[in-house]
Protein backbone atom coordinates (compact mmCIF):
# COMPACT_ATOMS: atom_id res chain seq x y z
CA MET A 1 -4.86 3.38 -4.77
CA ILE A 2 -3.92 -0.30 -4.55
CA ASN A 3 -0.52 -1.22 -3.18
CA LEU A 4 0.26 -4.11 -5.52
CA ASN A 5 3.20 -5.10 -3.30
CA ARG A 6 0.70 -6.10 -0.60
CA LEU A 7 -1.16 -8.45 -2.91
CA PRO A 8 -0.05 -12.05 -3.39
CA THR A 9 0.88 -13.20 -6.87
CA PRO A 10 -0.90 -14.12 -8.98
CA ILE A 11 -3.60 -11.61 -8.07
CA THR A 12 -7.06 -13.19 -7.92
CA LEU A 13 -10.55 -11.84 -7.36
CA GLU A 14 -10.53 -13.45 -3.92
CA ASP A 15 -7.39 -11.50 -2.98
CA LEU A 16 -8.90 -8.26 -4.24
CA GLU A 17 -12.13 -8.88 -2.33
CA LYS A 18 -10.17 -9.01 0.95
CA LEU A 19 -7.34 -6.53 0.30
CA ALA A 20 -8.76 -4.07 -2.24
CA PRO A 21 -12.56 -4.11 -1.99
CA VAL A 22 -13.09 -1.07 -4.22
CA ALA A 23 -11.08 -2.66 -7.03
CA PHE A 24 -12.96 -5.92 -6.47
CA GLU A 25 -16.32 -4.12 -6.84
CA GLU A 26 -15.18 -2.54 -10.12
CA LEU A 27 -14.03 -5.88 -11.53
CA VAL A 28 -17.16 -7.82 -10.63
CA ARG A 29 -19.27 -5.20 -12.44
CA MET A 30 -17.35 -5.83 -15.69
CA ASN A 31 -18.27 -8.59 -18.09
CA ILE A 32 -16.06 -11.64 -17.82
CA ILE A 33 -13.79 -10.93 -20.80
CA HIS A 34 -12.99 -7.38 -19.64
CA ARG A 35 -12.39 -8.70 -16.13
CA SER A 36 -10.05 -11.36 -17.53
CA ILE A 37 -8.05 -8.74 -19.44
CA VAL A 38 -7.66 -6.49 -16.39
CA LEU A 39 -6.65 -9.42 -14.16
CA ALA A 40 -4.07 -10.49 -16.74
CA TRP A 41 -2.70 -6.94 -16.87
CA LEU A 42 -2.62 -6.69 -13.05
CA ASN A 43 -0.54 -9.86 -13.06
CA GLY A 44 1.98 -8.37 -15.48
CA ARG A 45 0.77 -10.30 -18.50
CA SER A 46 0.23 -8.90 -22.00
CA THR A 47 -2.64 -9.34 -24.46
CA SER A 48 -2.91 -9.50 -28.24
CA PRO A 49 -5.32 -10.75 -30.93
CA VAL A 50 -5.86 -14.50 -31.31
CA GLY A 51 -3.33 -16.38 -33.39
CA LYS A 52 -0.48 -13.86 -33.20
CA GLY A 53 1.71 -15.81 -30.78
CA TYR A 54 3.58 -12.94 -29.15
CA ALA A 55 1.55 -12.07 -26.02
CA ASP A 56 0.73 -14.02 -22.87
CA VAL A 57 -3.05 -13.93 -23.44
CA GLU A 58 -4.75 -13.92 -26.84
CA ILE A 59 -8.23 -12.41 -27.15
CA ASP A 60 -10.74 -12.31 -30.01
CA LYS A 61 -11.55 -8.72 -31.16
CA GLU A 62 -8.90 -7.50 -28.75
CA ASP A 63 -8.71 -3.87 -29.95
CA ALA A 64 -12.43 -3.28 -29.36
CA LYS A 65 -12.17 -4.71 -25.86
CA HIS A 66 -9.15 -2.55 -25.03
CA SER A 67 -10.89 0.53 -26.37
CA TYR A 68 -13.89 -0.22 -24.18
CA LEU A 69 -11.67 -0.51 -21.09
CA LYS A 70 -9.95 2.77 -21.91
CA MET A 71 -13.02 4.80 -22.84
CA LYS A 72 -15.69 3.41 -20.53
CA CYS A 73 -13.68 2.19 -17.51
CA PHE A 74 -10.84 4.75 -17.74
CA ILE A 75 -8.16 2.03 -17.57
CA ASP A 76 -4.86 3.13 -19.00
CA TYR A 77 -2.68 0.60 -20.79
CA GLN A 78 0.43 0.68 -22.89
CA SER A 79 1.11 -0.78 -26.30
CA LYS A 80 4.41 -2.44 -27.16
CA ARG A 81 5.50 -3.01 -30.75
CA GLU A 82 6.25 -6.70 -31.23
CA VAL A 83 6.68 -7.71 -34.88
CA GLY A 84 6.31 -5.21 -37.72
CA ARG A 85 3.07 -3.35 -37.04
CA LYS A 86 1.87 -5.91 -34.48
CA VAL A 87 1.52 -4.78 -30.87
CA SER A 88 0.77 -6.30 -27.49
CA HIS A 89 -0.93 -4.48 -24.64
CA SER A 90 -0.25 -4.41 -20.90
CA MET A 91 -1.17 -2.34 -17.86
CA SER A 92 0.72 0.93 -17.64
């Protein structure tokens, strides 16, 4: 388990390599877009589809990428209703 209070903010791969090597190894095995999503979530940022304007980071085909992280990497995240049926995602 990573003690996020020990990590500097914003959390970078370099920090994880030194302070949380197991997490670092997991992240470097991911493709770059999945790694970017997880790093954004670790830094308390939210994600949503491109062009929506309500999350910190906008990603093309966002739902498919989140599903991959949940089903293949076992990363849990939460969804927050933003506008109407629109949602943003962040690390739970």
